[in-house]
Amino acid sequence: MQNENFYKGIKTVGFVTFIPFILAAGPLTGYFIGAFLQKKFNLSVWVVLLGVFFGFLAAFTEIIKILKAVARVNKK
């Protein structure tokens, strides 16, 4: 029983420490894709801003999935 709680704690810490990386990777990926599309097709600066926005949106959806997984792990 003690061993099981220890591994639940480790799994929870692993999930939670991954959140900052997702928060950074989503908008950065959106920025790079938006900047690439802007240069490639000579588009407006709004493309980059949309890319960053959708990157944040994707990051938050992934964070919600992670938090649900953490809740499932702790519920068991």
C-alpha atoms as a PDB file:
ATOM      1  CA  MET A   1       0.000   0.000   0.000  1.00  0.00           C
ATOM      2  CA  GLN A   2       2.793   2.417   0.858  1.00  0.00           C
ATOM      3  CA  ASN A   3       4.619   1.522  -2.344  1.00  0.00           C
ATOM      4  CA  GLU A   4       1.473   2.181  -4.373  1.00  0.00           C
ATOM      5  CA  ASN A   5       1.027   5.669  -2.880  1.00  0.00           C
ATOM      6  CA  PHE A   6       4.674   6.443  -3.582  1.00  0.00           C
ATOM      7  CA  TYR A   7       4.297   5.566  -7.260  1.00  0.00           C
ATOM      8  CA  LYS A   8       1.055   7.546  -7.503  1.00  0.00           C
ATOM      9  CA  GLY A   9       2.919  10.548  -6.121  1.00  0.00           C
ATOM     10  CA  ILE A  10       5.767  10.124  -8.591  1.00  0.00           C
ATOM     11  CA  LYS A  11       3.341   9.813 -11.495  1.00  0.00           C
ATOM     12  CA  THR A  12       1.472  12.931 -10.359  1.00  0.00           C
ATOM     13  CA  VAL A  13       4.685  14.942 -10.058  1.00  0.00           C
ATOM     14  CA  GLY A  14       5.734  13.770 -13.512  1.00  0.00           C
ATOM     15  CA  PHE A  15       2.458  14.893 -15.054  1.00  0.00           C
ATOM     16  CA  VAL A  16       2.435  18.252 -13.284  1.00  0.00           C
ATOM     17  CA  THR A  17       6.044  19.134 -14.094  1.00  0.00           C
ATOM     18  CA  PHE A  18       5.277  18.602 -17.779  1.00  0.00           C
ATOM     19  CA  ILE A  19       2.716  21.459 -17.781  1.00  0.00           C
ATOM     20  CA  PRO A  20       5.211  24.379 -18.115  1.00  0.00           C
ATOM     21  CA  PHE A  21       6.824  22.727 -21.115  1.00  0.00           C
ATOM     22  CA  ILE A  22       3.448  22.416 -22.816  1.00  0.00           C
ATOM     23  CA  LEU A  23       2.633  26.039 -22.013  1.00  0.00           C
ATOM     24  CA  ALA A  24       5.872  27.098 -23.694  1.00  0.00           C
ATOM     25  CA  ALA A  25       5.790  24.703 -26.645  1.00  0.00           C
ATOM     26  CA  GLY A  26       2.249  25.460 -27.836  1.00  0.00           C
ATOM     27  CA  PRO A  27       2.618  29.203 -28.485  1.00  0.00           C
ATOM     28  CA  LEU A  28       6.187  28.824 -29.756  1.00  0.00           C
ATOM     29  CA  THR A  29       5.087  26.258 -32.304  1.00  0.00           C
ATOM     30  CA  GLY A  30       2.199  28.513 -33.323  1.00  0.00           C
ATOM     31  CA  TYR A  31       4.598  31.432 -33.690  1.00  0.00           C
ATOM     32  CA  PHE A  32       7.036  29.524 -35.874  1.00  0.00           C
ATOM     33  CA  ILE A  33       4.284  28.120 -38.083  1.00  0.00           C
ATOM     34  CA  GLY A  34       2.681  31.575 -38.378  1.00  0.00           C
ATOM     35  CA  ALA A  35       6.007  33.239 -39.193  1.00  0.00           C
ATOM     36  CA  PHE A  36       6.744  30.580 -41.809  1.00  0.00           C
ATOM     37  CA  LEU A  37       3.348  31.062 -43.449  1.00  0.00           C
ATOM     38  CA  GLN A  38       3.732  34.840 -43.322  1.00  0.00           C
ATOM     39  CA  LYS A  39       7.076  34.757 -45.132  1.00  0.00           C
ATOM     40  CA  LYS A  40       6.137  31.970 -47.542  1.00  0.00           C
ATOM     41  CA  PHE A  41       2.858  33.491 -48.740  1.00  0.00           C
ATOM     42  CA  ASN A  42       3.559  37.171 -47.947  1.00  0.00           C
ATOM     43  CA  LEU A  43       0.649  37.382 -45.507  1.00  0.00           C
ATOM     44  CA  SER A  44      -0.256  39.850 -42.784  1.00  0.00           C
ATOM     45  CA  VAL A  45       1.146  39.867 -39.264  1.00  0.00           C
ATOM     46  CA  TRP A  46      -2.224  38.568 -38.071  1.00  0.00           C
ATOM     47  CA  VAL A  47      -1.232  35.098 -39.228  1.00  0.00           C
ATOM     48  CA  VAL A  48       1.506  34.993 -36.596  1.00  0.00           C
ATOM     49  CA  LEU A  49      -0.867  36.220 -33.917  1.00  0.00           C
ATOM     50  CA  LEU A  50      -3.442  33.602 -34.913  1.00  0.00           C
ATOM     51  CA  GLY A  51      -0.740  30.941 -34.748  1.00  0.00           C
ATOM     52  CA  VAL A  52       0.202  31.993 -31.214  1.00  0.00           C
ATOM     53  CA  PHE A  53      -3.468  32.096 -30.190  1.00  0.00           C
ATOM     54  CA  PHE A  54      -4.126  28.614 -31.532  1.00  0.00           C
ATOM     55  CA  GLY A  55      -0.916  27.438 -29.852  1.00  0.00           C
ATOM     56  CA  PHE A  56      -2.223  28.674 -26.505  1.00  0.00           C
ATOM     57  CA  LEU A  57      -5.554  27.040 -27.205  1.00  0.00           C
ATOM     58  CA  ALA A  58      -3.902  23.712 -27.984  1.00  0.00           C
ATOM     59  CA  ALA A  59      -1.697  23.989 -24.891  1.00  0.00           C
ATOM     60  CA  PHE A  60      -4.680  24.589 -22.628  1.00  0.00           C
ATOM     61  CA  THR A  61      -6.577  21.630 -24.054  1.00  0.00           C
ATOM     62  CA  GLU A  62      -3.554  19.417 -23.423  1.00  0.00           C
ATOM     63  CA  ILE A  63      -3.259  20.742 -19.877  1.00  0.00           C
ATOM     64  CA  ILE A  64      -6.907  19.877 -19.259  1.00  0.00           C
ATOM     65  CA  LYS A  65      -6.203  16.336 -20.496  1.00  0.00           C
ATOM     66  CA  ILE A  66      -3.203  16.087 -18.161  1.00  0.00           C
ATOM     67  CA  LEU A  67      -5.196  17.314 -15.172  1.00  0.00           C
ATOM     68  CA  LYS A  68      -7.912  14.754 -15.904  1.00  0.00           C
ATOM     69  CA  ALA A  69      -5.256  12.033 -16.048  1.00  0.00           C
ATOM     70  CA  VAL A  70      -3.830  13.194 -12.714  1.00  0.00           C
ATOM     71  CA  ALA A  71      -7.327  13.064 -11.202  1.00  0.00           C
ATOM     72  CA  ARG A  72      -7.772   9.507 -12.507  1.00  0.00           C
ATOM     73  CA  VAL A  73      -4.429   8.425 -11.055  1.00  0.00           C
ATOM     74  CA  ASN A  74      -5.196   9.920  -7.656  1.00  0.00           C
ATOM     75  CA  LYS A  75      -8.713   8.471  -7.615  1.00  0.00           C
ATOM     76  CA  LYS A  76      -7.483   4.865  -7.921  1.00  0.00           C
END
